[in-house]
């Protein structure tokens, strides 16, 4: 077994102009997720460095993982420097690293997300607050609430009273028919 390396222990700040994207990353982020990443960085700061490869010949850092964090730094926050770590790998192994990093993030399981929505709701968060902080649409929040059970989770939800109008119309028709 190979000895485990810890590039994370060598985080350094580098000039953002010395960092470039790789030309092979298949990972794309939809606009809502990009907005959520931006919001996450605004709320929490940069909690993870961008993983790079240092090309000595060109004196540049090529992104292996963290392209969207790099994009946020450049396009939204206009940072002069960003936190990076470097790995020493040939192109094929960097490509494999990129895919591993992307796939290892996994996806959020629906049942786990529904429990998070339940907990936040029970702690007084509104649907609008959950939507903003987790980057979710309101209909998605309602669907997740339905999974965990209707009674408790919808206790604070404001429902339309249109059924009362329907009931009045039915009663009125019944009265007219008798």
N, C-alpha and C. Protein backbone atom coordinates (compact mmCIF):
# COMPACT_ATOMS: atom_id res chain seq x y z
N UNK A 1 0.84 -1.19 0.00
CA UNK A 1 0.00 0.00 0.00
C UNK A 1 0.88 1.25 0.00
N UNK A 2 0.47 2.24 -0.78
CA UNK A 2 1.22 3.49 -0.85
C UNK A 2 1.07 4.28 0.43
N UNK A 3 2.10 5.06 0.74
CA UNK A 3 2.02 5.95 1.89
C UNK A 3 1.09 7.11 1.51
N UNK A 4 0.21 7.48 2.41
CA UNK A 4 -0.74 8.57 2.17
C UNK A 4 -0.01 9.91 2.23
N UNK A 5 -0.26 10.75 1.25
CA UNK A 5 0.32 12.09 1.23
C UNK A 5 -0.71 13.09 1.73
N UNK A 6 -0.27 14.25 2.18
CA UNK A 6 -1.15 15.28 2.73
C UNK A 6 -0.88 16.64 2.09
N UNK A 7 -1.24 16.80 0.80
CA UNK A 7 -1.05 18.11 0.19
C UNK A 7 -1.82 19.21 0.92
N UNK A 8 -2.88 18.84 1.59
CA UNK A 8 -3.70 19.82 2.31
C UNK A 8 -2.92 20.55 3.40
N UNK A 9 -1.81 19.97 3.82
CA UNK A 9 -0.98 20.62 4.84
C UNK A 9 -0.09 21.71 4.24
N UNK A 10 -0.12 21.83 2.91
CA UNK A 10 0.72 22.82 2.24
C UNK A 10 -0.11 23.84 1.45
N UNK A 11 -1.16 24.33 2.06
CA UNK A 11 -1.99 25.35 1.41
C UNK A 11 -1.18 26.63 1.31
N UNK A 12 -1.27 27.27 0.15
CA UNK A 12 -0.61 28.57 0.00
C UNK A 12 -1.50 29.47 -0.84
N UNK A 13 -1.31 30.76 -0.67
CA UNK A 13 -2.03 31.75 -1.45
C UNK A 13 -1.18 32.09 -2.67
N UNK A 14 -1.83 32.06 -3.85
CA UNK A 14 -1.12 32.41 -5.08
C UNK A 14 -1.93 33.45 -5.85
N UNK A 15 -1.24 34.19 -6.68
CA UNK A 15 -1.86 35.18 -7.54
C UNK A 15 -2.86 34.47 -8.46
N UNK A 16 -4.08 34.91 -8.47
CA UNK A 16 -5.12 34.26 -9.27
C UNK A 16 -4.79 34.26 -10.76
N UNK A 17 -4.01 35.22 -11.21
CA UNK A 17 -3.64 35.29 -12.62
C UNK A 17 -2.68 34.17 -13.01
N UNK A 18 -2.09 33.48 -12.02
CA UNK A 18 -1.19 32.36 -12.30
C UNK A 18 -1.93 31.03 -12.30
N UNK A 19 -3.27 31.07 -12.12
CA UNK A 19 -4.08 29.86 -12.07
C UNK A 19 -4.95 29.81 -13.32
N UNK A 20 -4.98 28.64 -13.96
CA UNK A 20 -5.83 28.47 -15.15
C UNK A 20 -6.64 27.18 -15.01
N UNK A 21 -7.75 27.13 -15.73
CA UNK A 21 -8.58 25.93 -15.75
C UNK A 21 -7.92 24.84 -16.58
N UNK A 22 -8.21 23.59 -16.26
CA UNK A 22 -7.76 22.52 -17.14
C UNK A 22 -8.72 22.47 -18.33
N UNK A 23 -8.37 21.72 -19.35
CA UNK A 23 -9.22 21.69 -20.55
C UNK A 23 -9.95 20.36 -20.71
N UNK A 24 -10.11 19.63 -19.60
CA UNK A 24 -10.75 18.31 -19.71
C UNK A 24 -11.85 18.05 -18.70
N UNK A 25 -12.12 18.94 -17.79
CA UNK A 25 -13.09 18.67 -16.73
C UNK A 25 -14.50 18.57 -17.29
N UNK A 26 -15.15 17.40 -17.13
CA UNK A 26 -16.51 17.24 -17.66
C UNK A 26 -17.59 17.78 -16.70
N UNK A 27 -17.19 18.20 -15.51
CA UNK A 27 -18.15 18.65 -14.51
C UNK A 27 -18.70 20.03 -14.85
N UNK A 28 -20.00 20.12 -14.92
CA UNK A 28 -20.67 21.39 -15.17
C UNK A 28 -21.60 21.66 -13.99
N UNK A 29 -21.75 22.92 -13.65
CA UNK A 29 -22.63 23.30 -12.54
C UNK A 29 -23.74 24.18 -13.09
N UNK A 30 -24.98 23.79 -12.80
CA UNK A 30 -26.13 24.58 -13.24
C UNK A 30 -26.16 25.91 -12.49
N UNK A 31 -26.77 26.93 -13.08
CA UNK A 31 -26.80 28.25 -12.44
C UNK A 31 -27.29 28.26 -10.98
N UNK A 32 -28.33 27.50 -10.62
CA UNK A 32 -28.74 27.54 -9.20
C UNK A 32 -27.66 27.01 -8.26
N UNK A 33 -26.94 25.97 -8.67
CA UNK A 33 -25.87 25.43 -7.84
C UNK A 33 -24.68 26.37 -7.78
N UNK A 34 -24.44 27.07 -8.89
CA UNK A 34 -23.35 28.06 -8.89
C UNK A 34 -23.69 29.19 -7.93
N UNK A 35 -24.94 29.62 -7.93
CA UNK A 35 -25.38 30.66 -6.99
C UNK A 35 -25.24 30.16 -5.55
N UNK A 36 -25.55 28.88 -5.33
CA UNK A 36 -25.41 28.31 -3.99
C UNK A 36 -23.95 28.27 -3.57
N UNK A 37 -23.06 27.91 -4.48
CA UNK A 37 -21.63 27.91 -4.17
C UNK A 37 -21.17 29.32 -3.81
N UNK A 38 -21.60 30.30 -4.59
CA UNK A 38 -21.26 31.69 -4.30
C UNK A 38 -21.77 32.08 -2.92
N UNK A 39 -23.01 31.73 -2.63
CA UNK A 39 -23.60 32.04 -1.32
C UNK A 39 -22.84 31.33 -0.21
N UNK A 40 -22.47 30.08 -0.45
CA UNK A 40 -21.70 29.32 0.54
C UNK A 40 -20.38 30.01 0.86
N UNK A 41 -19.70 30.50 -0.16
CA UNK A 41 -18.42 31.18 0.06
C UNK A 41 -18.66 32.51 0.78
N UNK A 42 -19.74 33.19 0.44
CA UNK A 42 -20.07 34.44 1.14
C UNK A 42 -20.33 34.18 2.63
N UNK A 43 -21.00 33.07 2.93
CA UNK A 43 -21.36 32.76 4.31
C UNK A 43 -20.19 32.16 5.11
N UNK A 44 -19.44 31.26 4.47
CA UNK A 44 -18.43 30.49 5.19
C UNK A 44 -16.99 30.81 4.80
N UNK A 45 -16.80 31.55 3.72
CA UNK A 45 -15.46 31.79 3.23
C UNK A 45 -14.96 30.60 2.42
N UNK A 46 -13.69 30.64 2.06
CA UNK A 46 -13.08 29.52 1.34
C UNK A 46 -12.64 28.48 2.36
N UNK A 47 -13.38 27.39 2.43
CA UNK A 47 -13.08 26.33 3.40
C UNK A 47 -12.24 25.22 2.79
N UNK A 48 -12.10 25.24 1.46
CA UNK A 48 -11.30 24.23 0.78
C UNK A 48 -10.40 24.91 -0.25
N UNK A 49 -9.15 24.52 -0.28
CA UNK A 49 -8.28 25.10 -1.31
C UNK A 49 -8.59 24.49 -2.68
N UNK A 50 -8.13 25.15 -3.70
CA UNK A 50 -8.26 24.63 -5.06
C UNK A 50 -7.07 23.69 -5.28
N UNK A 51 -7.35 22.50 -5.77
CA UNK A 51 -6.29 21.52 -6.04
C UNK A 51 -5.71 21.82 -7.42
N UNK A 52 -4.39 21.94 -7.49
CA UNK A 52 -3.73 22.32 -8.75
C UNK A 52 -2.51 21.45 -9.03
N UNK A 53 -2.04 21.58 -10.25
CA UNK A 53 -0.76 21.03 -10.67
C UNK A 53 0.09 22.22 -11.08
N UNK A 54 1.32 22.25 -10.61
CA UNK A 54 2.21 23.37 -10.96
C UNK A 54 3.01 23.01 -12.20
N UNK A 55 2.81 23.77 -13.27
CA UNK A 55 3.57 23.60 -14.51
C UNK A 55 4.78 24.53 -14.43
N UNK A 56 5.95 23.95 -14.13
CA UNK A 56 7.17 24.73 -13.92
C UNK A 56 7.59 25.48 -15.19
N UNK A 57 7.42 24.84 -16.34
CA UNK A 57 7.83 25.46 -17.60
C UNK A 57 7.07 26.74 -17.91
N UNK A 58 5.80 26.77 -17.57
CA UNK A 58 4.98 27.96 -17.86
C UNK A 58 4.75 28.82 -16.62
N UNK A 59 5.21 28.34 -15.46
CA UNK A 59 5.04 29.04 -14.20
C UNK A 59 3.56 29.37 -13.94
N UNK A 60 2.72 28.32 -14.10
CA UNK A 60 1.28 28.47 -13.83
C UNK A 60 0.78 27.27 -13.05
N UNK A 61 -0.37 27.45 -12.42
CA UNK A 61 -1.04 26.38 -11.69
C UNK A 61 -2.28 26.00 -12.49
N UNK A 62 -2.43 24.71 -12.77
CA UNK A 62 -3.57 24.22 -13.54
C UNK A 62 -4.53 23.55 -12.56
N UNK A 63 -5.80 23.95 -12.62
CA UNK A 63 -6.80 23.42 -11.70
C UNK A 63 -7.05 21.94 -11.97
N UNK A 64 -6.97 21.15 -10.92
CA UNK A 64 -7.32 19.73 -10.96
C UNK A 64 -8.71 19.55 -10.35
N UNK A 65 -8.95 20.20 -9.25
CA UNK A 65 -10.27 20.18 -8.59
C UNK A 65 -10.53 21.55 -7.98
N UNK A 66 -11.77 22.00 -8.11
CA UNK A 66 -12.15 23.28 -7.52
C UNK A 66 -12.35 24.36 -8.55
N UNK A 67 -12.59 23.95 -9.80
CA UNK A 67 -12.77 24.94 -10.87
C UNK A 67 -13.86 25.94 -10.54
N UNK A 68 -14.97 25.51 -9.98
CA UNK A 68 -16.08 26.42 -9.71
C UNK A 68 -15.77 27.35 -8.55
N UNK A 69 -14.98 26.88 -7.58
CA UNK A 69 -14.51 27.79 -6.52
C UNK A 69 -13.57 28.83 -7.12
N UNK A 70 -12.74 28.39 -8.06
CA UNK A 70 -11.84 29.30 -8.78
C UNK A 70 -12.65 30.34 -9.56
N UNK A 71 -13.70 29.87 -10.26
CA UNK A 71 -14.56 30.78 -11.02
C UNK A 71 -15.20 31.83 -10.11
N UNK A 72 -15.68 31.40 -8.95
CA UNK A 72 -16.28 32.35 -7.99
C UNK A 72 -15.26 33.40 -7.59
N UNK A 73 -14.05 32.94 -7.29
CA UNK A 73 -12.99 33.88 -6.87
C UNK A 73 -12.73 34.91 -7.95
N UNK A 74 -12.72 34.46 -9.18
CA UNK A 74 -12.37 35.34 -10.30
C UNK A 74 -13.55 36.20 -10.76
N UNK A 75 -14.71 35.60 -10.94
CA UNK A 75 -15.84 36.29 -11.55
C UNK A 75 -16.72 37.07 -10.56
N UNK A 76 -16.90 36.52 -9.37
CA UNK A 76 -17.81 37.15 -8.42
C UNK A 76 -17.08 38.00 -7.38
N UNK A 77 -15.99 37.46 -6.86
CA UNK A 77 -15.33 38.13 -5.74
C UNK A 77 -14.11 38.94 -6.16
N UNK A 78 -13.66 38.75 -7.39
CA UNK A 78 -12.52 39.50 -7.94
C UNK A 78 -11.32 39.46 -6.99
N UNK A 79 -11.02 38.25 -6.51
CA UNK A 79 -9.90 38.08 -5.59
C UNK A 79 -8.58 38.19 -6.34
N UNK A 80 -7.60 38.71 -5.68
CA UNK A 80 -6.24 38.81 -6.26
C UNK A 80 -5.47 37.52 -6.04
N UNK A 81 -5.74 36.85 -4.90
CA UNK A 81 -5.07 35.59 -4.57
C UNK A 81 -6.11 34.57 -4.13
N UNK A 82 -5.77 33.30 -4.34
CA UNK A 82 -6.65 32.21 -3.91
C UNK A 82 -5.83 31.12 -3.22
N UNK A 83 -6.49 30.36 -2.32
CA UNK A 83 -5.78 29.27 -1.64
C UNK A 83 -5.69 28.04 -2.55
N UNK A 84 -4.50 27.49 -2.67
CA UNK A 84 -4.30 26.31 -3.50
C UNK A 84 -3.43 25.28 -2.77
N UNK A 85 -3.56 24.06 -3.22
CA UNK A 85 -2.59 23.01 -2.89
C UNK A 85 -2.16 22.44 -4.23
N UNK A 86 -1.00 21.81 -4.27
CA UNK A 86 -0.54 21.22 -5.52
C UNK A 86 -0.34 19.72 -5.36
N UNK A 87 -0.56 19.03 -6.46
CA UNK A 87 -0.25 17.60 -6.53
C UNK A 87 0.68 17.41 -7.72
N UNK A 88 1.55 16.44 -7.61
CA UNK A 88 2.53 16.14 -8.66
C UNK A 88 2.07 14.87 -9.38
N UNK A 89 1.41 15.04 -10.52
CA UNK A 89 0.93 13.90 -11.29
C UNK A 89 1.02 14.23 -12.77
N UNK A 90 1.18 13.18 -13.59
CA UNK A 90 1.15 13.41 -15.03
C UNK A 90 -0.29 13.68 -15.46
N UNK A 91 -0.48 14.09 -16.69
CA UNK A 91 -1.79 14.52 -17.18
C UNK A 91 -2.86 13.45 -16.98
N UNK A 92 -2.57 12.21 -17.34
CA UNK A 92 -3.58 11.15 -17.22
C UNK A 92 -4.01 10.97 -15.76
N UNK A 93 -3.07 11.01 -14.85
CA UNK A 93 -3.41 10.85 -13.44
C UNK A 93 -4.11 12.09 -12.87
N UNK A 94 -3.80 13.25 -13.42
CA UNK A 94 -4.56 14.45 -13.01
C UNK A 94 -6.00 14.34 -13.48
N UNK A 95 -6.18 13.84 -14.70
CA UNK A 95 -7.54 13.64 -15.21
C UNK A 95 -8.31 12.67 -14.31
N UNK A 96 -7.66 11.59 -13.93
CA UNK A 96 -8.29 10.63 -13.03
C UNK A 96 -8.60 11.27 -11.69
N UNK A 97 -7.70 12.10 -11.18
CA UNK A 97 -7.93 12.80 -9.91
C UNK A 97 -9.14 13.71 -10.00
N UNK A 98 -9.27 14.42 -11.11
CA UNK A 98 -10.42 15.31 -11.30
C UNK A 98 -11.71 14.52 -11.22
N UNK A 99 -11.78 13.41 -11.93
CA UNK A 99 -12.99 12.59 -11.93
C UNK A 99 -13.26 12.02 -10.54
N UNK A 100 -12.22 11.53 -9.87
CA UNK A 100 -12.41 11.00 -8.51
C UNK A 100 -12.95 12.07 -7.57
N UNK A 101 -12.36 13.27 -7.64
CA UNK A 101 -12.84 14.36 -6.78
C UNK A 101 -14.31 14.66 -7.07
N UNK A 102 -14.67 14.74 -8.34
CA UNK A 102 -16.05 15.05 -8.72
C UNK A 102 -17.01 13.96 -8.24
N UNK A 103 -16.67 12.72 -8.49
CA UNK A 103 -17.58 11.62 -8.16
C UNK A 103 -17.62 11.33 -6.68
N UNK A 104 -16.53 11.58 -5.98
CA UNK A 104 -16.49 11.28 -4.55
C UNK A 104 -17.41 12.20 -3.74
N UNK A 105 -17.77 13.34 -4.30
CA UNK A 105 -18.67 14.24 -3.58
C UNK A 105 -20.04 13.60 -3.39
N UNK A 106 -20.41 12.72 -4.29
CA UNK A 106 -21.69 12.04 -4.15
C UNK A 106 -22.86 12.98 -4.37
N UNK A 107 -24.00 12.48 -3.98
CA UNK A 107 -25.22 13.27 -4.08
C UNK A 107 -25.92 13.21 -2.74
N UNK A 108 -26.77 14.17 -2.50
CA UNK A 108 -27.51 14.17 -1.24
C UNK A 108 -28.70 13.23 -1.36
N UNK A 109 -28.79 12.30 -0.45
CA UNK A 109 -29.88 11.35 -0.45
C UNK A 109 -31.17 12.06 -0.03
N UNK A 110 -32.26 11.74 -0.71
CA UNK A 110 -33.53 12.42 -0.47
C UNK A 110 -33.98 12.28 0.97
N UNK A 111 -33.91 11.09 1.54
CA UNK A 111 -34.40 10.90 2.90
C UNK A 111 -33.56 11.71 3.89
N UNK A 112 -32.24 11.77 3.66
CA UNK A 112 -31.39 12.56 4.54
C UNK A 112 -31.70 14.05 4.41
N UNK A 113 -31.93 14.51 3.19
CA UNK A 113 -32.28 15.91 2.99
C UNK A 113 -33.63 16.23 3.63
N UNK A 114 -34.57 15.28 3.58
CA UNK A 114 -35.87 15.54 4.18
C UNK A 114 -35.74 15.69 5.69
N UNK A 115 -34.85 14.94 6.30
CA UNK A 115 -34.63 15.07 7.75
C UNK A 115 -33.97 16.41 8.09
N UNK A 116 -33.10 16.87 7.23
CA UNK A 116 -32.49 18.19 7.45
C UNK A 116 -33.56 19.28 7.36
N UNK A 117 -34.43 19.19 6.35
CA UNK A 117 -35.52 20.17 6.21
C UNK A 117 -36.43 20.10 7.43
N UNK A 118 -36.74 18.90 7.90
CA UNK A 118 -37.57 18.73 9.10
C UNK A 118 -36.92 19.41 10.30
N UNK A 119 -35.65 19.15 10.51
CA UNK A 119 -34.94 19.73 11.65
C UNK A 119 -34.91 21.25 11.57
N UNK A 120 -34.62 21.79 10.40
CA UNK A 120 -34.58 23.25 10.25
C UNK A 120 -35.96 23.85 10.50
N UNK A 121 -37.00 23.19 9.99
CA UNK A 121 -38.36 23.67 10.21
C UNK A 121 -38.71 23.64 11.70
N UNK A 122 -38.36 22.55 12.36
CA UNK A 122 -38.64 22.43 13.80
C UNK A 122 -37.86 23.47 14.60
N UNK A 123 -36.74 23.93 14.06
CA UNK A 123 -35.95 24.96 14.74
C UNK A 123 -36.35 26.37 14.32
N UNK A 124 -37.49 26.49 13.65
CA UNK A 124 -38.04 27.81 13.37
C UNK A 124 -37.67 28.43 12.04
N UNK A 125 -36.98 27.70 11.17
CA UNK A 125 -36.63 28.28 9.87
C UNK A 125 -37.87 28.28 8.97
N UNK A 126 -38.08 29.37 8.27
CA UNK A 126 -39.17 29.45 7.31
C UNK A 126 -38.76 28.73 6.02
N UNK A 127 -39.75 28.44 5.19
CA UNK A 127 -39.45 27.83 3.90
C UNK A 127 -38.56 28.75 3.06
N UNK A 128 -38.79 30.06 3.16
CA UNK A 128 -37.99 31.01 2.41
C UNK A 128 -36.53 30.99 2.89
N UNK A 129 -36.34 30.87 4.21
CA UNK A 129 -34.98 30.83 4.76
C UNK A 129 -34.27 29.54 4.35
N UNK A 130 -34.99 28.42 4.41
CA UNK A 130 -34.41 27.14 3.97
C UNK A 130 -34.06 27.24 2.49
N UNK A 131 -34.96 27.81 1.70
CA UNK A 131 -34.72 27.97 0.26
C UNK A 131 -33.45 28.75 0.00
N UNK A 132 -33.30 29.88 0.68
CA UNK A 132 -32.13 30.73 0.46
C UNK A 132 -30.84 30.06 0.94
N UNK A 133 -30.86 29.52 2.14
CA UNK A 133 -29.64 28.99 2.74
C UNK A 133 -29.19 27.67 2.12
N UNK A 134 -30.13 26.86 1.62
CA UNK A 134 -29.76 25.56 1.04
C UNK A 134 -29.83 25.55 -0.48
N UNK A 135 -30.25 26.68 -1.07
CA UNK A 135 -30.33 26.75 -2.53
C UNK A 135 -31.37 25.83 -3.11
N UNK A 136 -32.53 25.77 -2.46
CA UNK A 136 -33.59 24.87 -2.90
C UNK A 136 -34.81 25.68 -3.33
N UNK A 137 -35.57 25.13 -4.28
CA UNK A 137 -36.84 25.73 -4.69
C UNK A 137 -37.89 25.38 -3.64
N UNK A 138 -38.91 26.24 -3.52
CA UNK A 138 -39.96 26.00 -2.52
C UNK A 138 -40.68 24.67 -2.75
N UNK A 139 -40.94 24.31 -4.01
CA UNK A 139 -41.63 23.05 -4.26
C UNK A 139 -40.78 21.85 -3.84
N UNK A 140 -39.47 21.98 -3.95
CA UNK A 140 -38.58 20.91 -3.49
C UNK A 140 -38.66 20.76 -1.97
N UNK A 141 -38.71 21.88 -1.27
CA UNK A 141 -38.82 21.86 0.19
C UNK A 141 -40.13 21.19 0.59
N UNK A 142 -41.22 21.53 -0.08
CA UNK A 142 -42.52 20.94 0.25
C UNK A 142 -42.51 19.44 0.00
N UNK A 143 -41.90 19.01 -1.12
CA UNK A 143 -41.81 17.56 -1.39
C UNK A 143 -41.00 16.85 -0.30
N UNK A 144 -39.91 17.47 0.14
CA UNK A 144 -39.10 16.86 1.20
C UNK A 144 -39.86 16.83 2.52
N UNK A 145 -40.67 17.84 2.77
CA UNK A 145 -41.50 17.84 3.98
C UNK A 145 -42.50 16.69 3.94
N UNK A 146 -43.04 16.42 2.78
CA UNK A 146 -44.02 15.34 2.65
C UNK A 146 -43.42 13.98 2.99
N UNK A 147 -42.16 13.80 2.69
CA UNK A 147 -41.49 12.53 2.96
C UNK A 147 -41.41 12.24 4.46
N UNK A 148 -41.17 13.28 5.25
CA UNK A 148 -40.96 13.08 6.69
C UNK A 148 -42.25 13.05 7.49
N UNK A 149 -43.36 13.34 6.87
CA UNK A 149 -44.62 13.32 7.58
C UNK A 149 -45.28 14.67 7.55
N UNK A 150 -46.57 14.68 7.33
CA UNK A 150 -47.27 15.92 7.10
C UNK A 150 -47.62 16.71 8.35
N UNK A 151 -48.06 16.04 9.39
CA UNK A 151 -48.62 16.75 10.54
C UNK A 151 -47.66 17.76 11.15
N UNK A 152 -46.51 17.30 11.62
CA UNK A 152 -45.58 18.19 12.31
C UNK A 152 -44.92 19.19 11.36
N UNK A 153 -44.55 18.73 10.19
CA UNK A 153 -43.76 19.57 9.30
C UNK A 153 -44.57 20.70 8.69
N UNK A 154 -45.88 20.48 8.52
CA UNK A 154 -46.72 21.52 7.94
C UNK A 154 -47.47 22.34 8.98
N UNK A 155 -47.13 22.15 10.25
CA UNK A 155 -47.84 22.86 11.32
C UNK A 155 -47.78 24.36 11.14
N UNK A 156 -46.68 24.91 10.67
CA UNK A 156 -46.55 26.36 10.54
C UNK A 156 -46.79 26.84 9.11
N UNK A 157 -47.14 25.95 8.21
CA UNK A 157 -47.34 26.32 6.81
C UNK A 157 -48.69 27.02 6.64
N UNK A 158 -48.72 28.11 5.90
CA UNK A 158 -49.95 28.84 5.64
C UNK A 158 -50.57 28.28 4.36
N UNK A 159 -51.75 27.72 4.51
CA UNK A 159 -52.44 27.13 3.36
C UNK A 159 -53.50 28.08 2.82
N UNK A 160 -53.85 27.89 1.57
CA UNK A 160 -54.92 28.66 0.95
C UNK A 160 -56.25 28.25 1.59
N UNK A 161 -57.16 29.17 1.70
CA UNK A 161 -58.47 28.87 2.28
C UNK A 161 -59.50 28.68 1.17
N UNK A 162 -59.07 28.38 -0.02
CA UNK A 162 -59.99 28.23 -1.15
C UNK A 162 -60.99 27.10 -0.92
N UNK A 163 -60.67 26.12 -0.13
CA UNK A 163 -61.60 25.03 0.15
C UNK A 163 -62.84 25.54 0.89
N UNK A 164 -62.71 26.62 1.68
CA UNK A 164 -63.86 27.19 2.38
C UNK A 164 -64.86 27.76 1.38
N UNK A 165 -64.35 28.41 0.33
CA UNK A 165 -65.21 28.95 -0.72
C UNK A 165 -65.92 27.81 -1.44
N UNK A 166 -65.20 26.74 -1.73
CA UNK A 166 -65.79 25.57 -2.37
C UNK A 166 -66.91 25.01 -1.50
N UNK A 167 -66.64 24.88 -0.21
CA UNK A 167 -67.64 24.35 0.72
C UNK A 167 -68.90 25.23 0.74
N UNK A 168 -68.72 26.56 0.76
CA UNK A 168 -69.86 27.48 0.74
C UNK A 168 -70.68 27.31 -0.54
N UNK A 169 -70.01 27.17 -1.67
CA UNK A 169 -70.71 26.98 -2.95
C UNK A 169 -71.51 25.68 -2.97
N UNK A 170 -70.93 24.63 -2.44
CA UNK A 170 -71.63 23.33 -2.40
C UNK A 170 -72.86 23.45 -1.50
N UNK A 171 -72.69 24.07 -0.34
CA UNK A 171 -73.82 24.22 0.59
C UNK A 171 -74.92 25.08 -0.04
N UNK A 172 -74.53 26.11 -0.77
CA UNK A 172 -75.49 26.99 -1.42
C UNK A 172 -76.27 26.22 -2.49
N UNK A 173 -75.58 25.39 -3.29
CA UNK A 173 -76.25 24.59 -4.33
C UNK A 173 -77.19 23.59 -3.69
N UNK A 174 -76.76 22.96 -2.60
CA UNK A 174 -77.62 21.99 -1.91
C UNK A 174 -78.88 22.66 -1.40
N UNK A 175 -78.73 23.88 -0.86
CA UNK A 175 -79.88 24.63 -0.33
C UNK A 175 -80.85 24.99 -1.46
N UNK A 176 -80.33 25.34 -2.63
CA UNK A 176 -81.16 25.70 -3.77
C UNK A 176 -81.90 24.51 -4.32
N UNK A 177 -81.32 23.32 -4.23
CA UNK A 177 -81.92 22.11 -4.79
C UNK A 177 -82.97 21.51 -3.86
N UNK A 178 -83.04 21.96 -2.63
CA UNK A 178 -84.03 21.38 -1.71
C UNK A 178 -85.25 22.19 -1.56
